[in-house]
Amino acid sequence: MRTDKIRKYILPNLPYLFILWACLKVGTAYRLAAGAGFGEKLLGMLGTLGPAFETIAPGRVPFDWLVGIVGAAAFRLLIYYKSKNAKKFRHDLEYGSARWGAPKDIKPFVDPKFENNVILTGTEFLTMDSRPKNPANDRNKNCCVIGSSGSGKTRFWLTPQLLQAHSSYVCVDPKGSVLFQVGYFLQKRSGYKIKVFNSIDFSKSMHYNPLSYIRNEADILKFVNTLIANTKGDGKDGDEFCVKAEIAELKAVKRANSTSL
């Protein structure tokens, strides 16, 4: 405690003792200078500055001490004024101030209920609440995980996020392992409704029948135009007569099928 007080109060003020001594010697030179007026005294100081600084010990003349104290106090006030009106720099912290975050740093961003968080690490989490009590604690929920094959992106990050079961999920699963790992838990334990689109094995995929949405002739025309636009390829259009004939034929077939149903 004593060392801290020395560093805080005594060491920063030591330079002002030197300033006081220097101003005191200037006062001595002014007092010893010949002349009656202020200007004459200043000119006379050219010859008395040397003798005044020859001795280190200060004199006992009150005038000399008054000049020293006033000079040191004026310099101290000048430094104080400059520091208060200076730009706001983080002195001694501009470089090398980074540190590892502590639990108290992440605490304002964590939901008390574990299941309502995005898992970032084993000890850091991020609340899914988009309206926390303090709006300043709201953060973007997007995460970017980069790693090589086999580094554990799915096993150690994606799977734990899905098991939180706090949101609706759209998951792209090229390996086909995520549904096997978490599907039962989401559907049976958490009440999720799972929809699967499997472009490799259609027997395990949802199906979409556009014909079931046809209600009138306008729907037939939309379907036919969409079918032709997506099956003619990237080449140039053929004869317009053939396209119109194809549209007419398809409309007739669809209308006949709709009527028979």
C-alpha atoms as a PDB file:
ATOM      1  CA  MET A   1       0.000   0.000   0.000  1.00  0.00           C
ATOM      2  CA  ARG A   2       2.819   2.409   0.873  1.00  0.00           C
ATOM      3  CA  THR A   3       4.612   1.620  -2.377  1.00  0.00           C
ATOM      4  CA  ASP A   4       1.448   2.353  -4.352  1.00  0.00           C
ATOM      5  CA  LYS A   5       1.087   5.755  -2.675  1.00  0.00           C
ATOM      6  CA  ILE A   6       4.713   6.579  -3.469  1.00  0.00           C
ATOM      7  CA  ARG A   7       4.191   5.690  -7.120  1.00  0.00           C
ATOM      8  CA  LYS A   8       0.909   7.583  -7.322  1.00  0.00           C
ATOM      9  CA  TYR A   9       1.641  10.798  -5.418  1.00  0.00           C
ATOM     10  CA  ILE A  10       5.375  11.281  -4.853  1.00  0.00           C
ATOM     11  CA  LEU A  11       7.124  10.080  -8.015  1.00  0.00           C
ATOM     12  CA  PRO A  12       4.927  12.079 -10.470  1.00  0.00           C
ATOM     13  CA  ASN A  13       5.597  15.299  -8.481  1.00  0.00           C
ATOM     14  CA  LEU A  14       9.363  14.956  -8.163  1.00  0.00           C
ATOM     15  CA  PRO A  15      10.024  16.925 -11.395  1.00  0.00           C
ATOM     16  CA  TYR A  16       8.226  19.902  -9.895  1.00  0.00           C
ATOM     17  CA  LEU A  17      10.821  20.057  -7.097  1.00  0.00           C
ATOM     18  CA  PHE A  18      13.488  20.564  -9.738  1.00  0.00           C
ATOM     19  CA  ILE A  19      11.333  23.239 -11.392  1.00  0.00           C
ATOM     20  CA  LEU A  20      10.886  24.942  -8.012  1.00  0.00           C
ATOM     21  CA  TRP A  21      14.671  24.918  -7.496  1.00  0.00           C
ATOM     22  CA  ALA A  22      15.318  26.322 -10.983  1.00  0.00           C
ATOM     23  CA  CYS A  23      12.730  29.103 -10.545  1.00  0.00           C
ATOM     24  CA  LEU A  24      14.183  29.878  -7.100  1.00  0.00           C
ATOM     25  CA  LYS A  25      17.633  30.374  -8.654  1.00  0.00           C
ATOM     26  CA  VAL A  26      16.107  32.614 -11.338  1.00  0.00           C
ATOM     27  CA  GLY A  27      14.573  34.649  -8.526  1.00  0.00           C
ATOM     28  CA  THR A  28      17.981  34.900  -6.873  1.00  0.00           C
ATOM     29  CA  ALA A  29      19.525  36.111 -10.151  1.00  0.00           C
ATOM     30  CA  TYR A  30      16.770  38.699 -10.524  1.00  0.00           C
ATOM     31  CA  ARG A  31      17.296  39.920  -6.955  1.00  0.00           C
ATOM     32  CA  LEU A  32      21.070  40.251  -7.403  1.00  0.00           C
ATOM     33  CA  ALA A  33      20.789  42.010 -10.779  1.00  0.00           C
ATOM     34  CA  ALA A  34      21.684  45.716 -10.887  1.00  0.00           C
ATOM     35  CA  GLY A  35      19.039  48.244 -11.780  1.00  0.00           C
ATOM     36  CA  ALA A  36      15.906  49.807 -10.375  1.00  0.00           C
ATOM     37  CA  GLY A  37      13.229  48.959 -12.969  1.00  0.00           C
ATOM     38  CA  PHE A  38      11.963  45.634 -14.277  1.00  0.00           C
ATOM     39  CA  GLY A  39      13.652  46.039 -17.636  1.00  0.00           C
ATOM     40  CA  GLU A  40      16.980  46.942 -16.090  1.00  0.00           C
ATOM     41  CA  LYS A  41      16.749  43.966 -13.781  1.00  0.00           C
ATOM     42  CA  LEU A  42      16.146  41.603 -16.727  1.00  0.00           C
ATOM     43  CA  LEU A  43      19.207  42.958 -18.528  1.00  0.00           C
ATOM     44  CA  GLY A  44      21.244  42.681 -15.347  1.00  0.00           C
ATOM     45  CA  MET A  45      20.288  39.018 -14.968  1.00  0.00           C
ATOM     46  CA  LEU A  46      22.671  38.154 -17.804  1.00  0.00           C
ATOM     47  CA  GLY A  47      25.506  38.735 -15.400  1.00  0.00           C
ATOM     48  CA  THR A  48      23.939  37.175 -12.300  1.00  0.00           C
ATOM     49  CA  LEU A  49      22.519  33.886 -13.657  1.00  0.00           C
ATOM     50  CA  GLY A  50      25.909  32.209 -13.518  1.00  0.00           C
ATOM     51  CA  PRO A  51      26.700  33.111  -9.893  1.00  0.00           C
ATOM     52  CA  ALA A  52      23.127  32.235  -8.835  1.00  0.00           C
ATOM     53  CA  PHE A  53      23.436  28.669 -10.216  1.00  0.00           C
ATOM     54  CA  GLU A  54      26.957  28.102  -8.878  1.00  0.00           C
ATOM     55  CA  THR A  55      25.629  26.821  -5.587  1.00  0.00           C
ATOM     56  CA  ILE A  56      23.123  24.008  -5.400  1.00  0.00           C
ATOM     57  CA  ALA A  57      21.739  24.891  -1.995  1.00  0.00           C
ATOM     58  CA  PRO A  58      18.822  27.342  -2.096  1.00  0.00           C
ATOM     59  CA  GLY A  59      19.055  30.539  -0.126  1.00  0.00           C
ATOM     60  CA  ARG A  60      16.823  31.654   2.691  1.00  0.00           C
ATOM     61  CA  VAL A  61      15.562  34.852   1.120  1.00  0.00           C
ATOM     62  CA  PRO A  62      11.727  34.803   1.050  1.00  0.00           C
ATOM     63  CA  PHE A  63      11.630  36.521  -2.365  1.00  0.00           C
ATOM     64  CA  ASP A  64      13.627  33.712  -3.952  1.00  0.00           C
ATOM     65  CA  TRP A  65      11.313  31.075  -2.484  1.00  0.00           C
ATOM     66  CA  LEU A  66       8.251  33.024  -3.589  1.00  0.00           C
ATOM     67  CA  VAL A  67       9.493  33.074  -7.189  1.00  0.00           C
ATOM     68  CA  GLY A  68      10.302  29.341  -7.009  1.00  0.00           C
ATOM     69  CA  ILE A  69       6.906  28.348  -5.591  1.00  0.00           C
ATOM     70  CA  VAL A  70       4.976  30.562  -8.026  1.00  0.00           C
ATOM     71  CA  GLY A  71       6.990  29.233 -10.980  1.00  0.00           C
ATOM     72  CA  ALA A  72       6.477  25.562 -10.003  1.00  0.00           C
ATOM     73  CA  ALA A  73       2.753  26.112  -9.353  1.00  0.00           C
ATOM     74  CA  ALA A  74       2.298  27.889 -12.696  1.00  0.00           C
ATOM     75  CA  PHE A  75       4.032  25.045 -14.525  1.00  0.00           C
ATOM     76  CA  ARG A  76       1.881  22.478 -12.682  1.00  0.00           C
ATOM     77  CA  LEU A  77      -1.319  24.322 -13.626  1.00  0.00           C
ATOM     78  CA  LEU A  78      -0.183  24.465 -17.254  1.00  0.00           C
ATOM     79  CA  ILE A  79       0.383  20.696 -17.338  1.00  0.00           C
ATOM     80  CA  TYR A  80      -3.010  20.101 -15.704  1.00  0.00           C
ATOM     81  CA  TYR A  81      -4.778  22.332 -18.244  1.00  0.00           C
ATOM     82  CA  LYS A  82      -3.095  20.581 -21.150  1.00  0.00           C
ATOM     83  CA  SER A  83      -3.988  17.143 -19.831  1.00  0.00           C
ATOM     84  CA  LYS A  84      -7.661  18.044 -19.386  1.00  0.00           C
ATOM     85  CA  ASN A  85      -7.976  19.475 -22.880  1.00  0.00           C
ATOM     86  CA  ALA A  86      -5.919  16.797 -24.617  1.00  0.00           C
ATOM     87  CA  LYS A  87      -7.399  14.238 -26.974  1.00  0.00           C
ATOM     88  CA  LYS A  88      -8.710  11.102 -25.315  1.00  0.00           C
ATOM     89  CA  PHE A  89      -5.881   8.645 -25.750  1.00  0.00           C
ATOM     90  CA  ARG A  90      -5.560   5.361 -23.922  1.00  0.00           C
ATOM     91  CA  HIS A  91      -2.083   6.097 -22.624  1.00  0.00           C
ATOM     92  CA  ASP A  92       0.115   3.025 -22.369  1.00  0.00           C
ATOM     93  CA  LEU A  93      -2.782   0.938 -23.727  1.00  0.00           C
ATOM     94  CA  GLU A  94      -2.731   1.771 -27.436  1.00  0.00           C
ATOM     95  CA  TYR A  95      -0.519  -1.230 -28.197  1.00  0.00           C
ATOM     96  CA  GLY A  96      -0.481  -4.625 -26.598  1.00  0.00           C
ATOM     97  CA  SER A  97      -3.694  -4.079 -24.649  1.00  0.00           C
ATOM     98  CA  ALA A  98      -5.488  -7.192 -25.943  1.00  0.00           C
ATOM     99  CA  ARG A  99      -6.264  -9.905 -23.426  1.00  0.00           C
ATOM    100  CA  TRP A 100      -8.253 -13.086 -23.136  1.00  0.00           C
ATOM    101  CA  GLY A 101     -11.852 -12.508 -22.132  1.00  0.00           C
ATOM    102  CA  ALA A 102     -12.936 -13.548 -18.660  1.00  0.00           C
ATOM    103  CA  PRO A 103     -16.317 -14.975 -17.551  1.00  0.00           C
ATOM    104  CA  LYS A 104     -17.465 -11.522 -16.454  1.00  0.00           C
ATOM    105  CA  ASP A 105     -16.910 -10.197 -20.006  1.00  0.00           C
ATOM    106  CA  ILE A 106     -19.255 -12.711 -21.672  1.00  0.00           C
ATOM    107  CA  LYS A 107     -21.803 -12.859 -18.843  1.00  0.00           C
ATOM    108  CA  PRO A 108     -24.036  -9.960 -20.120  1.00  0.00           C
ATOM    109  CA  PHE A 109     -24.477 -11.797 -23.439  1.00  0.00           C
ATOM    110  CA  VAL A 110     -25.463 -15.201 -21.998  1.00  0.00           C
ATOM    111  CA  ASP A 111     -29.039 -16.332 -21.370  1.00  0.00           C
ATOM    112  CA  PRO A 112     -29.538 -17.803 -17.875  1.00  0.00           C
ATOM    113  CA  LYS A 113     -31.282 -20.787 -19.476  1.00  0.00           C
ATOM    114  CA  PHE A 114     -28.622 -22.890 -21.167  1.00  0.00           C
ATOM    115  CA  GLU A 115     -30.916 -24.163 -23.938  1.00  0.00           C
ATOM    116  CA  ASN A 116     -31.548 -20.603 -25.193  1.00  0.00           C
ATOM    117  CA  ASN A 117     -27.930 -19.975 -26.165  1.00  0.00           C
ATOM    118  CA  VAL A 118     -25.705 -20.429 -29.177  1.00  0.00           C
ATOM    119  CA  ILE A 119     -22.738 -22.523 -28.046  1.00  0.00           C
ATOM    120  CA  LEU A 120     -19.488 -20.773 -28.936  1.00  0.00           C
ATOM    121  CA  THR A 121     -16.984 -22.667 -26.763  1.00  0.00           C
ATOM    122  CA  GLY A 122     -17.092 -24.838 -23.687  1.00  0.00           C
ATOM    123  CA  THR A 123     -17.473 -21.755 -21.471  1.00  0.00           C
ATOM    124  CA  GLU A 124     -18.769 -19.008 -23.805  1.00  0.00           C
ATOM    125  CA  PHE A 125     -22.360 -18.749 -25.054  1.00  0.00           C
ATOM    126  CA  LEU A 126     -24.538 -16.187 -26.847  1.00  0.00           C
ATOM    127  CA  THR A 127     -28.216 -15.668 -26.120  1.00  0.00           C
ATOM    128  CA  MET A 128     -30.743 -16.174 -28.895  1.00  0.00           C
ATOM    129  CA  ASP A 129     -32.919 -13.432 -27.425  1.00  0.00           C
ATOM    130  CA  SER A 130     -32.998 -10.573 -29.944  1.00  0.00           C
ATOM    131  CA  ARG A 131     -34.316  -8.179 -27.305  1.00  0.00           C
ATOM    132  CA  PRO A 132     -32.204  -8.484 -24.165  1.00  0.00           C
ATOM    133  CA  LYS A 133     -32.832  -6.257 -21.155  1.00  0.00           C
ATOM    134  CA  ASN A 134     -29.918  -4.065 -22.210  1.00  0.00           C
ATOM    135  CA  PRO A 135     -30.191  -3.416 -25.978  1.00  0.00           C
ATOM    136  CA  ALA A 136     -26.441  -2.799 -26.104  1.00  0.00           C
ATOM    137  CA  ASN A 137     -25.927  -6.518 -25.396  1.00  0.00           C
ATOM    138  CA  ASP A 138     -27.732  -7.619 -28.564  1.00  0.00           C
ATOM    139  CA  ARG A 139     -25.320  -9.304 -30.966  1.00  0.00           C
ATOM    140  CA  ASN A 140     -25.435 -10.811 -34.436  1.00  0.00           C
ATOM    141  CA  LYS A 141     -26.187 -14.526 -34.207  1.00  0.00           C
ATOM    142  CA  ASN A 142     -24.369 -15.529 -37.408  1.00  0.00           C
ATOM    143  CA  CYS A 143     -21.388 -17.850 -36.971  1.00  0.00           C
ATOM    144  CA  CYS A 144     -18.742 -18.849 -39.493  1.00  0.00           C
ATOM    145  CA  VAL A 145     -16.907 -22.107 -38.802  1.00  0.00           C
ATOM    146  CA  ILE A 146     -13.889 -22.860 -41.001  1.00  0.00           C
ATOM    147  CA  GLY A 147     -11.984 -26.124 -40.890  1.00  0.00           C
ATOM    148  CA  SER A 148     -10.640 -28.924 -43.025  1.00  0.00           C
ATOM    149  CA  SER A 149     -12.410 -32.237 -43.570  1.00  0.00           C
ATOM    150  CA  GLY A 150     -12.528 -34.264 -40.390  1.00  0.00           C
ATOM    151  CA  SER A 151     -11.747 -31.319 -38.111  1.00  0.00           C
ATOM    152  CA  GLY A 152     -15.100 -31.660 -36.330  1.00  0.00           C
ATOM    153  CA  LYS A 153     -17.238 -28.879 -37.824  1.00  0.00           C
ATOM    154  CA  THR A 154     -20.322 -31.117 -37.811  1.00  0.00           C
ATOM    155  CA  ARG A 155     -19.598 -33.222 -34.743  1.00  0.00           C
ATOM    156  CA  PHE A 156     -18.395 -30.505 -32.385  1.00  0.00           C
ATOM    157  CA  TRP A 157     -20.293 -27.431 -33.586  1.00  0.00           C
ATOM    158  CA  LEU A 158     -23.340 -28.148 -35.779  1.00  0.00           C
ATOM    159  CA  THR A 159     -24.699 -31.112 -33.816  1.00  0.00           C
ATOM    160  CA  PRO A 160     -24.594 -29.338 -30.413  1.00  0.00           C
ATOM    161  CA  GLN A 161     -26.368 -26.328 -31.950  1.00  0.00           C
ATOM    162  CA  LEU A 162     -29.192 -28.515 -33.287  1.00  0.00           C
ATOM    163  CA  LEU A 163     -29.535 -30.256 -29.932  1.00  0.00           C
ATOM    164  CA  GLN A 164     -30.190 -26.870 -28.302  1.00  0.00           C
ATOM    165  CA  ALA A 165     -33.617 -27.051 -30.036  1.00  0.00           C
ATOM    166  CA  HIS A 166     -34.339 -23.351 -29.597  1.00  0.00           C
ATOM    167  CA  SER A 167     -35.097 -22.395 -33.225  1.00  0.00           C
ATOM    168  CA  SER A 168     -36.254 -23.583 -36.605  1.00  0.00           C
ATOM    169  CA  TYR A 169     -33.404 -25.029 -38.635  1.00  0.00           C
ATOM    170  CA  VAL A 170     -32.602 -25.394 -42.325  1.00  0.00           C
ATOM    171  CA  CYS A 171     -29.679 -27.793 -42.585  1.00  0.00           C
ATOM    172  CA  VAL A 172     -27.719 -28.740 -45.699  1.00  0.00           C
ATOM    173  CA  ASP A 173     -26.316 -32.204 -45.072  1.00  0.00           C
ATOM    174  CA  PRO A 174     -24.107 -33.435 -47.954  1.00  0.00           C
ATOM    175  CA  LYS A 175     -22.822 -36.368 -45.895  1.00  0.00           C
ATOM    176  CA  GLY A 176     -26.310 -37.463 -44.835  1.00  0.00           C
ATOM    177  CA  SER A 177     -25.299 -38.026 -41.199  1.00  0.00           C
ATOM    178  CA  VAL A 178     -26.955 -35.122 -39.392  1.00  0.00           C
ATOM    179  CA  LEU A 179     -30.524 -36.409 -39.768  1.00  0.00           C
ATOM    180  CA  PHE A 180     -29.473 -39.814 -38.445  1.00  0.00           C
ATOM    181  CA  GLN A 181     -27.789 -38.238 -35.413  1.00  0.00           C
ATOM    182  CA  VAL A 182     -30.357 -35.676 -34.269  1.00  0.00           C
ATOM    183  CA  GLY A 183     -33.559 -36.467 -36.171  1.00  0.00           C
ATOM    184  CA  TYR A 184     -35.098 -38.717 -33.524  1.00  0.00           C
ATOM    185  CA  PHE A 185     -34.335 -36.255 -30.731  1.00  0.00           C
ATOM    186  CA  LEU A 186     -35.838 -33.294 -32.591  1.00  0.00           C
ATOM    187  CA  GLN A 187     -38.947 -35.169 -33.696  1.00  0.00           C
ATOM    188  CA  LYS A 188     -39.786 -37.355 -30.716  1.00  0.00           C
ATOM    189  CA  ARG A 189     -38.318 -35.452 -27.782  1.00  0.00           C
ATOM    190  CA  SER A 190     -38.741 -31.838 -28.897  1.00  0.00           C
ATOM    191  CA  GLY A 191     -41.810 -32.044 -31.146  1.00  0.00           C
ATOM    192  CA  TYR A 192     -40.141 -30.785 -34.322  1.00  0.00           C
ATOM    193  CA  LYS A 193     -41.727 -31.424 -37.705  1.00  0.00           C
ATOM    194  CA  ILE A 194     -38.920 -32.624 -39.987  1.00  0.00           C
ATOM    195  CA  LYS A 195     -39.016 -32.322 -43.756  1.00  0.00           C
ATOM    196  CA  VAL A 196     -36.331 -33.969 -45.862  1.00  0.00           C
ATOM    197  CA  PHE A 197     -35.365 -33.304 -49.466  1.00  0.00           C
ATOM    198  CA  ASN A 198     -33.078 -36.088 -50.671  1.00  0.00           C
ATOM    199  CA  SER A 199     -31.920 -35.637 -54.272  1.00  0.00           C
ATOM    200  CA  ILE A 200     -30.057 -38.965 -54.304  1.00  0.00           C
ATOM    201  CA  ASP A 201     -32.552 -41.417 -52.837  1.00  0.00           C
ATOM    202  CA  PHE A 202     -36.047 -40.150 -53.659  1.00  0.00           C
ATOM    203  CA  SER A 203     -37.644 -42.924 -51.630  1.00  0.00           C
ATOM    204  CA  LYS A 204     -36.405 -41.083 -48.524  1.00  0.00           C
ATOM    205  CA  SER A 205     -37.383 -37.638 -49.731  1.00  0.00           C
ATOM    206  CA  MET A 206     -40.438 -35.400 -49.701  1.00  0.00           C
ATOM    207  CA  HIS A 207     -42.327 -35.278 -53.001  1.00  0.00           C
ATOM    208  CA  TYR A 208     -43.931 -32.405 -54.798  1.00  0.00           C
ATOM    209  CA  ASN A 209     -46.743 -32.958 -57.284  1.00  0.00           C
ATOM    210  CA  PRO A 210     -47.499 -29.694 -59.148  1.00  0.00           C
ATOM    211  CA  LEU A 211     -50.618 -31.203 -60.732  1.00  0.00           C
ATOM    212  CA  SER A 212     -52.345 -31.346 -57.363  1.00  0.00           C
ATOM    213  CA  TYR A 213     -52.351 -27.527 -57.291  1.00  0.00           C
ATOM    214  CA  ILE A 214     -54.187 -27.100 -60.601  1.00  0.00           C
ATOM    215  CA  ARG A 215     -57.656 -25.671 -60.006  1.00  0.00           C
ATOM    216  CA  ASN A 216     -58.548 -23.901 -63.251  1.00  0.00           C
ATOM    217  CA  GLU A 217     -57.301 -23.192 -66.792  1.00  0.00           C
ATOM    218  CA  ALA A 218     -55.090 -20.348 -65.584  1.00  0.00           C
ATOM    219  CA  ASP A 219     -53.187 -22.821 -63.387  1.00  0.00           C
ATOM    220  CA  ILE A 220     -52.774 -25.145 -66.377  1.00  0.00           C
ATOM    221  CA  LEU A 221     -51.293 -22.329 -68.449  1.00  0.00           C
ATOM    222  CA  LYS A 222     -48.838 -21.428 -65.655  1.00  0.00           C
ATOM    223  CA  PHE A 223     -47.737 -25.040 -65.370  1.00  0.00           C
ATOM    224  CA  VAL A 224     -47.264 -25.497 -69.119  1.00  0.00           C
ATOM    225  CA  ASN A 225     -45.291 -22.264 -69.517  1.00  0.00           C
ATOM    226  CA  THR A 226     -43.054 -23.181 -66.601  1.00  0.00           C
ATOM    227  CA  LEU A 227     -42.498 -26.687 -67.947  1.00  0.00           C
ATOM    228  CA  ILE A 228     -41.529 -25.450 -71.421  1.00  0.00           C
ATOM    229  CA  ALA A 229     -39.287 -22.675 -70.067  1.00  0.00           C
ATOM    230  CA  ASN A 230     -37.319 -25.182 -67.973  1.00  0.00           C
ATOM    231  CA  THR A 231     -37.009 -27.971 -70.546  1.00  0.00           C
ATOM    232  CA  LYS A 232     -36.032 -26.166 -73.740  1.00  0.00           C
ATOM    233  CA  GLY A 233     -32.375 -25.873 -72.703  1.00  0.00           C
ATOM    234  CA  ASP A 234     -30.016 -22.971 -73.234  1.00  0.00           C
ATOM    235  CA  GLY A 235     -30.149 -23.004 -77.017  1.00  0.00           C
ATOM    236  CA  LYS A 236     -32.090 -20.681 -79.298  1.00  0.00           C
ATOM    237  CA  ASP A 237     -35.856 -20.944 -79.448  1.00  0.00           C
ATOM    238  CA  GLY A 238     -37.245 -23.069 -82.239  1.00  0.00           C
ATOM    239  CA  ASP A 239     -40.169 -22.300 -84.503  1.00  0.00           C
ATOM    240  CA  GLU A 240     -42.796 -20.296 -82.596  1.00  0.00           C
ATOM    241  CA  PHE A 241     -45.539 -22.372 -84.250  1.00  0.00           C
ATOM    242  CA  CYS A 242     -44.177 -25.549 -82.668  1.00  0.00           C
ATOM    243  CA  VAL A 243     -44.024 -23.919 -79.221  1.00  0.00           C
ATOM    244  CA  LYS A 244     -47.600 -22.717 -79.465  1.00  0.00           C
ATOM    245  CA  ALA A 245     -48.704 -26.151 -80.680  1.00  0.00           C
ATOM    246  CA  GLU A 246     -46.934 -27.784 -77.740  1.00  0.00           C
ATOM    247  CA  ILE A 247     -48.637 -25.416 -75.302  1.00  0.00           C
ATOM    248  CA  ALA A 248     -52.031 -26.094 -76.825  1.00  0.00           C
ATOM    249  CA  GLU A 249     -51.531 -29.867 -76.717  1.00  0.00           C
ATOM    250  CA  LEU A 250     -50.343 -29.856 -73.111  1.00  0.00           C
ATOM    251  CA  LYS A 251     -53.249 -27.657 -72.065  1.00  0.00           C
ATOM    252  CA  ALA A 252     -55.661 -30.030 -73.695  1.00  0.00           C
ATOM    253  CA  VAL A 253     -54.080 -33.082 -72.042  1.00  0.00           C
ATOM    254  CA  LYS A 254     -54.029 -31.459 -68.618  1.00  0.00           C
ATOM    255  CA  ARG A 255     -57.574 -30.251 -68.984  1.00  0.00           C
ATOM    256  CA  ALA A 256     -58.697 -33.763 -69.978  1.00  0.00           C
ATOM    257  CA  ASN A 257     -56.843 -35.309 -67.022  1.00  0.00           C
ATOM    258  CA  SER A 258     -58.293 -32.765 -64.639  1.00  0.00           C
ATOM    259  CA  THR A 259     -61.799 -33.481 -65.915  1.00  0.00           C
ATOM    260  CA  SER A 260     -61.366 -37.225 -65.581  1.00  0.00           C
ATOM    261  CA  LEU A 261     -60.197 -36.813 -62.019  1.00  0.00           C
END
